[in-house]
C-alpha atoms as a PDB file:
ATOM      1  CA  MET A   1     -27.392  26.687  -2.628  1.00  0.00           C
ATOM      2  CA  ARG A   2     -25.987  24.862   0.414  1.00  0.00           C
ATOM      3  CA  MET A   3     -26.433  26.762   3.667  1.00  0.00           C
ATOM      4  CA  ARG A   4     -23.129  27.246   5.469  1.00  0.00           C
ATOM      5  CA  HIS A   5     -24.652  27.762   8.904  1.00  0.00           C
ATOM      6  CA  VAL A   6     -24.454  24.072   9.769  1.00  0.00           C
ATOM      7  CA  LYS A   7     -26.906  22.637  12.265  1.00  0.00           C
ATOM      8  CA  ILE A   8     -25.262  19.866  14.280  1.00  0.00           C
ATOM      9  CA  SER A   9     -28.010  17.331  14.957  1.00  0.00           C
ATOM     10  CA  ASP A  10     -28.857  16.870  18.611  1.00  0.00           C
ATOM     11  CA  ASN A  11     -29.098  13.420  20.160  1.00  0.00           C
ATOM     12  CA  ALA A  12     -31.707  13.304  22.926  1.00  0.00           C
ATOM     13  CA  GLU A  13     -29.700  10.571  24.645  1.00  0.00           C
ATOM     14  CA  GLN A  14     -26.427  12.539  24.710  1.00  0.00           C
ATOM     15  CA  SER A  15     -25.387  16.095  25.535  1.00  0.00           C
ATOM     16  CA  PHE A  16     -22.539  15.948  23.008  1.00  0.00           C
ATOM     17  CA  GLN A  17     -21.806  14.395  19.603  1.00  0.00           C
ATOM     18  CA  LEU A  18     -18.663  12.377  18.872  1.00  0.00           C
ATOM     19  CA  THR A  19     -18.035  11.216  15.308  1.00  0.00           C
ATOM     20  CA  ARG A  20     -15.178   9.552  13.456  1.00  0.00           C
ATOM     21  CA  GLU A  21     -15.016  10.507   9.784  1.00  0.00           C
ATOM     22  CA  VAL A  22     -13.113   8.337   7.288  1.00  0.00           C
ATOM     23  CA  VAL A  23     -13.504   9.728   3.761  1.00  0.00           C
ATOM     24  CA  PRO A  24     -11.498  10.104   0.523  1.00  0.00           C
ATOM     25  CA  HIS A  25     -11.243  13.818   1.374  1.00  0.00           C
ATOM     26  CA  PHE A  26     -12.957  16.220   3.757  1.00  0.00           C
ATOM     27  CA  TYR A  27     -16.083  17.526   2.068  1.00  0.00           C
ATOM     28  CA  ASN A  28     -17.507  20.298   4.264  1.00  0.00           C
ATOM     29  CA  PRO A  29     -17.580  23.777   2.728  1.00  0.00           C
ATOM     30  CA  LEU A  30     -16.548  26.788   4.780  1.00  0.00           C
ATOM     31  CA  HIS A  31     -19.151  26.769   7.536  1.00  0.00           C
ATOM     32  CA  PHE A  32     -20.000  27.772  11.085  1.00  0.00           C
ATOM     33  CA  HIS A  33     -22.342  26.446  13.762  1.00  0.00           C
ATOM     34  CA  ASP A  34     -23.439  27.112  17.308  1.00  0.00           C
ATOM     35  CA  LYS A  35     -21.489  24.223  18.861  1.00  0.00           C
ATOM     36  CA  LEU A  36     -17.916  24.155  20.090  1.00  0.00           C
ATOM     37  CA  GLU A  37     -15.835  21.772  17.989  1.00  0.00           C
ATOM     38  CA  LEU A  38     -12.723  19.788  18.912  1.00  0.00           C
ATOM     39  CA  THR A  39     -11.110  18.069  15.910  1.00  0.00           C
ATOM     40  CA  TYR A  40      -8.218  15.597  15.907  1.00  0.00           C
ATOM     41  CA  MET A  41      -6.719  14.804  12.505  1.00  0.00           C
ATOM     42  CA  VAL A  42      -5.970  11.080  12.245  1.00  0.00           C
ATOM     43  CA  GLN A  43      -5.079  11.054   8.535  1.00  0.00           C
ATOM     44  CA  GLY A  44      -4.785  13.636   5.793  1.00  0.00           C
ATOM     45  CA  TYR A  45      -3.211  17.000   5.152  1.00  0.00           C
ATOM     46  CA  GLY A  46      -4.036  20.262   3.442  1.00  0.00           C
ATOM     47  CA  THR A  47      -4.988  23.825   4.313  1.00  0.00           C
ATOM     48  CA  ALA A  48      -6.998  24.903   7.360  1.00  0.00           C
ATOM     49  CA  PHE A  49      -9.196  28.013   7.261  1.00  0.00           C
ATOM     50  CA  ILE A  50     -10.239  29.062  10.783  1.00  0.00           C
ATOM     51  CA  GLY A  51     -11.600  32.584  11.128  1.00  0.00           C
ATOM     52  CA  ASP A  52      -8.951  34.737   9.451  1.00  0.00           C
ATOM     53  CA  TYR A  53      -6.271  32.084  10.048  1.00  0.00           C
ATOM     54  CA  ILE A  54      -4.831  30.194   7.076  1.00  0.00           C
ATOM     55  CA  GLY A  55      -2.384  27.398   7.807  1.00  0.00           C
ATOM     56  CA  GLN A  56      -1.284  23.903   7.054  1.00  0.00           C
ATOM     57  CA  PHE A  57      -2.883  20.904   8.755  1.00  0.00           C
ATOM     58  CA  LYS A  58      -1.583  17.344   8.860  1.00  0.00           C
ATOM     59  CA  ALA A  59      -2.142  14.033  10.608  1.00  0.00           C
ATOM     60  CA  GLY A  60      -1.694  14.438  14.350  1.00  0.00           C
ATOM     61  CA  ASP A  61      -2.937  18.035  14.505  1.00  0.00           C
ATOM     62  CA  MET A  62      -5.670  19.063  16.953  1.00  0.00           C
ATOM     63  CA  PHE A  63      -7.892  22.147  16.729  1.00  0.00           C
ATOM     64  CA  PHE A  64     -10.533  23.568  19.083  1.00  0.00           C
ATOM     65  CA  MET A  65     -13.047  26.013  17.543  1.00  0.00           C
ATOM     66  CA  GLY A  66     -15.587  28.218  19.289  1.00  0.00           C
ATOM     67  CA  SER A  67     -19.230  28.833  18.480  1.00  0.00           C
ATOM     68  CA  ARG A  68     -19.941  30.512  15.121  1.00  0.00           C
ATOM     69  CA  LEU A  69     -16.273  30.578  14.148  1.00  0.00           C
ATOM     70  CA  ALA A  70     -16.118  29.946  10.388  1.00  0.00           C
ATOM     71  CA  HIS A  71     -13.823  27.030   9.561  1.00  0.00           C
ATOM     72  CA  ASP A  72     -12.950  24.485   6.910  1.00  0.00           C
ATOM     73  CA  PHE A  73     -10.275  21.858   6.326  1.00  0.00           C
ATOM     74  CA  LYS A  74      -9.541  21.508   2.623  1.00  0.00           C
ATOM     75  CA  ASN A  75      -7.348  18.578   1.625  1.00  0.00           C
ATOM     76  CA  ALA A  76      -4.419  19.033  -0.752  1.00  0.00           C
ATOM     77  CA  PRO A  77      -5.166  18.676  -4.519  1.00  0.00           C
ATOM     78  CA  GLU A  78      -3.812  15.112  -4.720  1.00  0.00           C
ATOM     79  CA  PHE A  79      -6.694  13.878  -2.526  1.00  0.00           C
ATOM     80  CA  PHE A  80      -9.130  14.783  -5.319  1.00  0.00           C
ATOM     81  CA  LYS A  81      -7.447  12.866  -8.145  1.00  0.00           C
ATOM     82  CA  ALA A  82      -9.530  10.048  -9.623  1.00  0.00           C
ATOM     83  CA  ASP A  83      -6.869   7.415  -8.910  1.00  0.00           C
ATOM     84  CA  SER A  84      -6.030   8.649  -5.397  1.00  0.00           C
ATOM     85  CA  ILE A  85      -5.788   6.056  -2.630  1.00  0.00           C
ATOM     86  CA  LEU A  86      -5.353   8.718   0.045  1.00  0.00           C
ATOM     87  CA  LYS A  87      -7.778   8.933   2.962  1.00  0.00           C
ATOM     88  CA  ALA A  88      -8.838  11.717   5.286  1.00  0.00           C
ATOM     89  CA  GLU A  89      -9.824  10.772   8.821  1.00  0.00           C
ATOM     90  CA  ALA A  90     -10.768  12.858  11.846  1.00  0.00           C
ATOM     91  CA  ILE A  91     -12.292  12.440  15.304  1.00  0.00           C
ATOM     92  CA  VAL A  92     -14.713  15.315  15.952  1.00  0.00           C
ATOM     93  CA  LEU A  93     -16.397  16.288  19.218  1.00  0.00           C
ATOM     94  CA  HIS A  94     -19.272  18.794  19.213  1.00  0.00           C
ATOM     95  CA  PHE A  95     -20.936  20.185  22.314  1.00  0.00           C
ATOM     96  CA  ASP A  96     -22.722  23.294  23.573  1.00  0.00           C
ATOM     97  CA  GLU A  97     -20.931  25.656  25.927  1.00  0.00           C
ATOM     98  CA  ALA A  98     -23.870  25.047  28.292  1.00  0.00           C
ATOM     99  CA  PHE A  99     -24.101  21.288  27.694  1.00  0.00           C
ATOM    100  CA  LEU A 100     -24.269  20.726  31.473  1.00  0.00           C
ATOM    101  CA  GLY A 101     -26.797  23.492  32.037  1.00  0.00           C
ATOM    102  CA  ASP A 102     -26.768  27.270  31.877  1.00  0.00           C
ATOM    103  CA  SER A 103     -25.143  27.785  35.277  1.00  0.00           C
ATOM    104  CA  PHE A 104     -22.734  24.843  35.700  1.00  0.00           C
ATOM    105  CA  PHE A 105     -19.655  26.530  34.240  1.00  0.00           C
ATOM    106  CA  LYS A 106     -20.427  29.796  36.072  1.00  0.00           C
ATOM    107  CA  ILE A 107     -19.510  28.395  39.495  1.00  0.00           C
ATOM    108  CA  PRO A 108     -16.174  29.625  40.978  1.00  0.00           C
ATOM    109  CA  GLU A 109     -14.453  26.256  40.495  1.00  0.00           C
ATOM    110  CA  MET A 110     -14.917  26.585  36.737  1.00  0.00           C
ATOM    111  CA  LYS A 111     -13.115  29.933  36.410  1.00  0.00           C
ATOM    112  CA  GLU A 112     -10.338  28.483  34.237  1.00  0.00           C
ATOM    113  CA  VAL A 113     -12.830  26.712  31.955  1.00  0.00           C
ATOM    114  CA  GLN A 114     -14.755  29.987  31.593  1.00  0.00           C
ATOM    115  CA  GLN A 115     -11.527  31.574  30.348  1.00  0.00           C
ATOM    116  CA  LEU A 116     -10.968  28.632  27.979  1.00  0.00           C
ATOM    117  CA  PHE A 117     -14.413  29.228  26.474  1.00  0.00           C
ATOM    118  CA  LYS A 118     -13.401  32.856  25.863  1.00  0.00           C
ATOM    119  CA  ASP A 119     -10.052  31.883  24.324  1.00  0.00           C
ATOM    120  CA  VAL A 120     -11.575  29.297  21.991  1.00  0.00           C
ATOM    121  CA  ARG A 121     -13.719  31.934  20.279  1.00  0.00           C
ATOM    122  CA  THR A 122     -10.746  32.657  17.995  1.00  0.00           C
ATOM    123  CA  GLY A 123      -9.735  29.003  17.646  1.00  0.00           C
ATOM    124  CA  LEU A 124      -6.923  27.095  19.345  1.00  0.00           C
ATOM    125  CA  LYS A 125      -4.294  24.614  18.209  1.00  0.00           C
ATOM    126  CA  ILE A 126      -3.262  22.054  20.841  1.00  0.00           C
ATOM    127  CA  GLU A 127       0.229  20.571  20.979  1.00  0.00           C
ATOM    128  CA  GLY A 128       2.467  18.308  23.063  1.00  0.00           C
ATOM    129  CA  GLU A 129       1.429  16.283  26.082  1.00  0.00           C
ATOM    130  CA  SER A 130      -1.895  18.133  26.311  1.00  0.00           C
ATOM    131  CA  LYS A 131      -2.776  16.890  22.829  1.00  0.00           C
ATOM    132  CA  ALA A 132      -1.765  13.320  23.722  1.00  0.00           C
ATOM    133  CA  GLN A 133      -3.964  13.363  26.833  1.00  0.00           C
ATOM    134  CA  VAL A 134      -6.980  14.811  24.999  1.00  0.00           C
ATOM    135  CA  LYS A 135      -6.521  12.344  22.114  1.00  0.00           C
ATOM    136  CA  ALA A 136      -6.600   9.414  24.568  1.00  0.00           C
ATOM    137  CA  ILE A 137      -9.906  10.698  25.996  1.00  0.00           C
ATOM    138  CA  LEU A 138     -11.457  11.149  22.545  1.00  0.00           C
ATOM    139  CA  GLU A 139     -10.451   7.684  21.368  1.00  0.00           C
ATOM    140  CA  HIS A 140     -12.178   5.954  24.288  1.00  0.00           C
ATOM    141  CA  LEU A 141     -15.049   8.360  24.985  1.00  0.00           C
ATOM    142  CA  ASN A 142     -17.758   6.305  23.276  1.00  0.00           C
ATOM    143  CA  GLN A 143     -16.705   3.181  25.170  1.00  0.00           C
ATOM    144  CA  SER A 144     -17.404   4.710  28.586  1.00  0.00           C
ATOM    145  CA  SER A 145     -20.617   4.712  30.600  1.00  0.00           C
ATOM    146  CA  PRO A 146     -22.779   7.879  30.266  1.00  0.00           C
ATOM    147  CA  VAL A 147     -21.628   9.323  33.603  1.00  0.00           C
ATOM    148  CA  LYS A 148     -17.969   8.538  32.827  1.00  0.00           C
ATOM    149  CA  GLN A 149     -18.374  10.276  29.434  1.00  0.00           C
ATOM    150  CA  ILE A 150     -19.357  13.490  31.197  1.00  0.00           C
ATOM    151  CA  THR A 151     -16.454  13.281  33.651  1.00  0.00           C
ATOM    152  CA  ASP A 152     -14.126  12.515  30.736  1.00  0.00           C
ATOM    153  CA  ILE A 153     -15.233  15.676  28.903  1.00  0.00           C
ATOM    154  CA  LEU A 154     -14.731  17.673  32.092  1.00  0.00           C
ATOM    155  CA  SER A 155     -11.236  16.177  32.370  1.00  0.00           C
ATOM    156  CA  LEU A 156     -10.611  17.142  28.757  1.00  0.00           C
ATOM    157  CA  LEU A 157     -11.677  20.734  29.441  1.00  0.00           C
ATOM    158  CA  ASP A 158      -9.557  20.821  32.601  1.00  0.00           C
ATOM    159  CA  ILE A 159      -6.488  19.720  30.616  1.00  0.00           C
ATOM    160  CA  LEU A 160      -7.020  22.434  28.008  1.00  0.00           C
ATOM    161  CA  ALA A 161      -7.903  25.120  30.559  1.00  0.00           C
ATOM    162  CA  HIS A 162      -4.568  24.620  32.362  1.00  0.00           C
ATOM    163  CA  SER A 163      -2.401  23.844  29.334  1.00  0.00           C
ATOM    164  CA  THR A 164       0.504  25.990  28.204  1.00  0.00           C
ATOM    165  CA  GLU A 165       0.595  24.041  24.927  1.00  0.00           C
ATOM    166  CA  VAL A 166      -2.227  25.874  23.154  1.00  0.00           C
ATOM    167  CA  SER A 167      -1.911  28.714  20.669  1.00  0.00           C
ATOM    168  CA  ASN A 168      -4.519  31.120  19.322  1.00  0.00           C
ATOM    169  CA  LEU A 169      -5.245  30.982  15.601  1.00  0.00           C
ATOM    170  CA  SER A 170      -7.580  33.698  14.308  1.00  0.00           C
ATOM    171  CA  ALA A 171      -6.595  37.294  15.014  1.00  0.00           C
ATOM    172  CA  SER A 172     -10.171  38.466  15.494  1.00  0.00           C
ATOM    173  CA  LEU A 173     -13.423  37.315  17.079  1.00  0.00           C
ATOM    174  CA  PRO A 174     -16.242  35.934  14.909  1.00  0.00           C
ATOM    175  CA  SER A 175     -18.287  38.771  13.467  1.00  0.00           C
ATOM    176  CA  ASN A 176     -21.928  39.015  14.484  1.00  0.00           C
ATOM    177  CA  THR A 177     -22.660  40.072  10.897  1.00  0.00           C
ATOM    178  CA  PHE A 178     -21.118  36.925   9.365  1.00  0.00           C
ATOM    179  CA  ASN A 179     -23.930  34.771   7.960  1.00  0.00           C
ATOM    180  CA  TYR A 180     -24.512  31.851   5.636  1.00  0.00           C
ATOM    181  CA  SER A 181     -24.481  34.160   2.605  1.00  0.00           C
ATOM    182  CA  ASP A 182     -20.973  35.337   3.599  1.00  0.00           C
ATOM    183  CA  ALA A 183     -19.842  31.744   4.095  1.00  0.00           C
ATOM    184  CA  GLU A 184     -21.297  30.754   0.708  1.00  0.00           C
ATOM    185  CA  LYS A 185     -19.481  33.641  -0.976  1.00  0.00           C
ATOM    186  CA  LEU A 186     -16.139  33.003   0.755  1.00  0.00           C
ATOM    187  CA  ASP A 187     -16.361  29.280   0.078  1.00  0.00           C
ATOM    188  CA  ARG A 188     -16.771  29.931  -3.661  1.00  0.00           C
ATOM    189  CA  VAL A 189     -13.666  32.121  -3.521  1.00  0.00           C
ATOM    190  CA  LEU A 190     -11.693  29.543  -1.510  1.00  0.00           C
ATOM    191  CA  CYS A 191     -12.662  26.678  -3.815  1.00  0.00           C
ATOM    192  CA  TYR A 192     -11.754  28.657  -6.932  1.00  0.00           C
ATOM    193  CA  ALA A 193      -8.467  29.750  -5.369  1.00  0.00           C
ATOM    194  CA  MET A 194      -7.614  26.171  -4.326  1.00  0.00           C
ATOM    195  CA  ASP A 195      -8.242  25.007  -7.914  1.00  0.00           C
ATOM    196  CA  HIS A 196      -6.349  27.844  -9.608  1.00  0.00           C
ATOM    197  CA  TYR A 197      -3.749  29.087  -7.105  1.00  0.00           C
ATOM    198  CA  LYS A 198      -0.895  28.041  -9.445  1.00  0.00           C
ATOM    199  CA  GLU A 199      -2.144  30.479 -12.074  1.00  0.00           C
ATOM    200  CA  LYS A 200      -2.373  34.252 -12.203  1.00  0.00           C
ATOM    201  CA  ILE A 201      -5.919  35.037 -11.097  1.00  0.00           C
ATOM    202  CA  PRO A 202      -7.095  38.475 -12.266  1.00  0.00           C
ATOM    203  CA  LEU A 203      -9.016  40.420  -9.643  1.00  0.00           C
ATOM    204  CA  GLU A 204     -11.826  40.815 -12.173  1.00  0.00           C
ATOM    205  CA  LYS A 205     -12.196  37.030 -12.370  1.00  0.00           C
ATOM    206  CA  ILE A 206     -12.245  36.331  -8.633  1.00  0.00           C
ATOM    207  CA  ALA A 207     -14.661  39.243  -8.118  1.00  0.00           C
ATOM    208  CA  GLU A 208     -16.898  37.617 -10.719  1.00  0.00           C
ATOM    209  CA  VAL A 209     -16.737  34.331  -8.760  1.00  0.00           C
ATOM    210  CA  ALA A 210     -17.919  36.230  -5.672  1.00  0.00           C
ATOM    211  CA  HIS A 211     -20.632  38.017  -7.730  1.00  0.00           C
ATOM    212  CA  MET A 212     -19.197  41.410  -6.791  1.00  0.00           C
ATOM    213  CA  THR A 213     -17.503  44.352  -8.457  1.00  0.00           C
ATOM    214  CA  THR A 214     -13.710  44.375  -8.241  1.00  0.00           C
ATOM    215  CA  SER A 215     -13.512  47.263  -5.777  1.00  0.00           C
ATOM    216  CA  ALA A 216     -16.303  45.830  -3.598  1.00  0.00           C
ATOM    217  CA  PHE A 217     -14.633  42.421  -3.571  1.00  0.00           C
ATOM    218  CA  CYS A 218     -11.259  43.867  -2.511  1.00  0.00           C
ATOM    219  CA  ARG A 219     -12.868  45.689   0.408  1.00  0.00           C
ATOM    220  CA  TYR A 220     -14.979  42.679   1.374  1.00  0.00           C
ATOM    221  CA  PHE A 221     -12.116  40.173   1.201  1.00  0.00           C
ATOM    222  CA  LYS A 222      -9.786  42.376   3.253  1.00  0.00           C
ATOM    223  CA  LEU A 223     -12.509  42.896   5.863  1.00  0.00           C
ATOM    224  CA  ARG A 224     -13.247  39.169   6.217  1.00  0.00           C
ATOM    225  CA  THR A 225      -9.723  37.743   5.981  1.00  0.00           C
ATOM    226  CA  LYS A 226      -7.488  40.629   7.156  1.00  0.00           C
ATOM    227  CA  ARG A 227      -5.372  40.286   4.004  1.00  0.00           C
ATOM    228  CA  SER A 228      -5.516  41.231   0.339  1.00  0.00           C
ATOM    229  CA  PHE A 229      -6.378  38.572  -2.234  1.00  0.00           C
ATOM    230  CA  SER A 230      -2.817  38.616  -3.595  1.00  0.00           C
ATOM    231  CA  GLU A 231      -1.458  38.039  -0.075  1.00  0.00           C
ATOM    232  CA  PHE A 232      -3.931  35.194   0.350  1.00  0.00           C
ATOM    233  CA  ILE A 233      -2.810  33.505  -2.885  1.00  0.00           C
ATOM    234  CA  LEU A 234       0.824  33.793  -1.827  1.00  0.00           C
ATOM    235  CA  GLU A 235      -0.004  32.173   1.537  1.00  0.00           C
ATOM    236  CA  LEU A 236      -1.945  29.450  -0.240  1.00  0.00           C
ATOM    237  CA  ARG A 237       1.039  28.697  -2.477  1.00  0.00           C
ATOM    238  CA  ILE A 238       3.340  28.522   0.539  1.00  0.00           C
ATOM    239  CA  GLN A 239       0.956  26.214   2.428  1.00  0.00           C
ATOM    240  CA  ASN A 240       0.686  23.848  -0.532  1.00  0.00           C
ATOM    241  CA  ALA A 241       4.438  24.020  -1.052  1.00  0.00           C
ATOM    242  CA  SER A 242       4.891  23.047   2.601  1.00  0.00           C
ATOM    243  CA  SER A 243       2.650  20.008   2.090  1.00  0.00           C
ATOM    244  CA  LEU A 244       4.587  18.944  -1.009  1.00  0.00           C
ATOM    245  CA  LEU A 245       7.919  19.323   0.789  1.00  0.00           C
ATOM    246  CA  LEU A 246       6.690  16.881   3.431  1.00  0.00           C
ATOM    247  CA  ASN A 247       4.526  14.505   1.405  1.00  0.00           C
ATOM    248  CA  SER A 248       6.186  14.142  -1.996  1.00  0.00           C
ATOM    249  CA  ASP A 249       9.528  13.281  -3.524  1.00  0.00           C
ATOM    250  CA  TYR A 250       9.699  16.554  -5.434  1.00  0.00           C
ATOM    251  CA  THR A 251      12.859  18.609  -5.274  1.00  0.00           C
ATOM    252  CA  VAL A 252      12.618  22.150  -3.944  1.00  0.00           C
ATOM    253  CA  GLU A 253      12.812  23.429  -7.529  1.00  0.00           C
ATOM    254  CA  GLN A 254       9.953  21.145  -8.605  1.00  0.00           C
ATOM    255  CA  VAL A 255       7.860  22.262  -5.636  1.00  0.00           C
ATOM    256  CA  ALA A 256       8.393  25.901  -6.611  1.00  0.00           C
ATOM    257  CA  LEU A 257       7.133  25.314 -10.160  1.00  0.00           C
ATOM    258  CA  GLU A 258       4.295  23.036  -9.022  1.00  0.00           C
ATOM    259  CA  CYS A 259       2.965  25.747  -6.699  1.00  0.00           C
ATOM    260  CA  GLY A 260       2.984  28.545  -9.247  1.00  0.00           C
ATOM    261  CA  PHE A 261       6.219  30.383  -8.422  1.00  0.00           C
ATOM    262  CA  GLU A 262       7.945  31.893 -11.428  1.00  0.00           C
ATOM    263  CA  SER A 263      11.408  30.872 -10.236  1.00  0.00           C
ATOM    264  CA  SER A 264      12.983  28.813  -7.474  1.00  0.00           C
ATOM    265  CA  SER A 265      14.929  31.858  -6.255  1.00  0.00           C
ATOM    266  CA  TYR A 266      11.697  33.828  -5.747  1.00  0.00           C
ATOM    267  CA  PHE A 267      10.179  30.799  -4.002  1.00  0.00           C
ATOM    268  CA  TYR A 268      13.181  30.629  -1.642  1.00  0.00           C
ATOM    269  CA  ARG A 269      12.821  34.311  -0.719  1.00  0.00           C
ATOM    270  CA  VAL A 270       9.067  34.143  -0.095  1.00  0.00           C
ATOM    271  CA  PHE A 271       9.219  30.838   1.790  1.00  0.00           C
ATOM    272  CA  LYS A 272      11.962  32.102   4.087  1.00  0.00           C
ATOM    273  CA  LYS A 273      10.045  35.327   4.756  1.00  0.00           C
ATOM    274  CA  VAL A 274       6.858  33.429   5.681  1.00  0.00           C
ATOM    275  CA  LYS A 275       8.324  30.387   7.453  1.00  0.00           C
ATOM    276  CA  LYS A 276      11.468  32.039   8.856  1.00  0.00           C
ATOM    277  CA  GLU A 277      13.624  29.259   7.357  1.00  0.00           C
ATOM    278  CA  THR A 278      14.570  27.924   3.926  1.00  0.00           C
ATOM    279  CA  PRO A 279      12.496  25.236   2.177  1.00  0.00           C
ATOM    280  CA  SER A 280      15.267  22.647   2.590  1.00  0.00           C
ATOM    281  CA  SER A 281      15.756  23.347   6.315  1.00  0.00           C
ATOM    282  CA  TYR A 282      11.981  23.216   6.850  1.00  0.00           C
ATOM    283  CA  GLN A 283      11.823  19.868   5.052  1.00  0.00           C
ATOM    284  CA  LYS A 284      14.660  18.392   7.112  1.00  0.00           C
ATOM    285  CA  ARG A 285      13.308  19.689  10.396  1.00  0.00           C
ATOM    286  CA  MET A 286       9.748  18.492   9.813  1.00  0.00           C
ATOM    287  CA  ARG A 287      10.698  15.125   8.336  1.00  0.00           C
ATOM    288  CA  TYR A 288      13.685  14.186  10.444  1.00  0.00           C
ATOM    289  CA  GLY A 289      13.762  16.612  13.365  1.00  0.00           C
ATOM    290  CA  LYS A 290      16.955  18.177  12.026  1.00  0.00           C
ATOM    291  CA  LYS A 291      17.685  21.879  12.344  1.00  0.00           C
END
């Protein structure tokens, strides 16, 4: 069994870790760790799981996750096909909240950064000019001198601490009772759901995947995700439908069938309820900036 409490290796010569991943698809299971994590998506798309947040991610997105916040970025099914030429790429920065010492961020001048560290506990998505500025810092961070790297990270935190272009993701704080066994269990459920979301999944089957009774699984899943399993599957279908609308040549009707909806009319109703617009208007707006 793979432990989901991931230990980010420390480098004695650096107080942070910056990596650039280029892979056929992102491979991490649902996991959590003690570091803060800032991730910029260079290539790829799929579904993001951050705390109890479920949403679409795509190239150009930026996420900031707090310590011990469970998260995973699962690429869309087409990334896993044997003949796929798609790539997933991300720039990832890990650092401790006290990477400059236990007291540095407690001084009065760091009041806004202290608040940022509180806000990031539920995960943040960064947009607009703030994202562009942070991206520029990340792309050149490893090319700077050691002292400049530290001042660059402080600049990055200052940008985010004063930005109005950030939005909270998870509705609740990480649970102190969430452990690697929970992450292992939820990851099995997520992986099975990602593979079978187009089908009708009986509660008895998904409870079996989680090694639980049906009633215990329903309680557990609602507690950890703030939604029922049927609501989760519906969200998963909508997220994958959103990806297909943007990244394929399928018609809206084909997308509906591909994502497990019984009819295009039902798909229209559900999509509009979740996204507050029709599939066709969403596609036009996201692809061409048309309303």
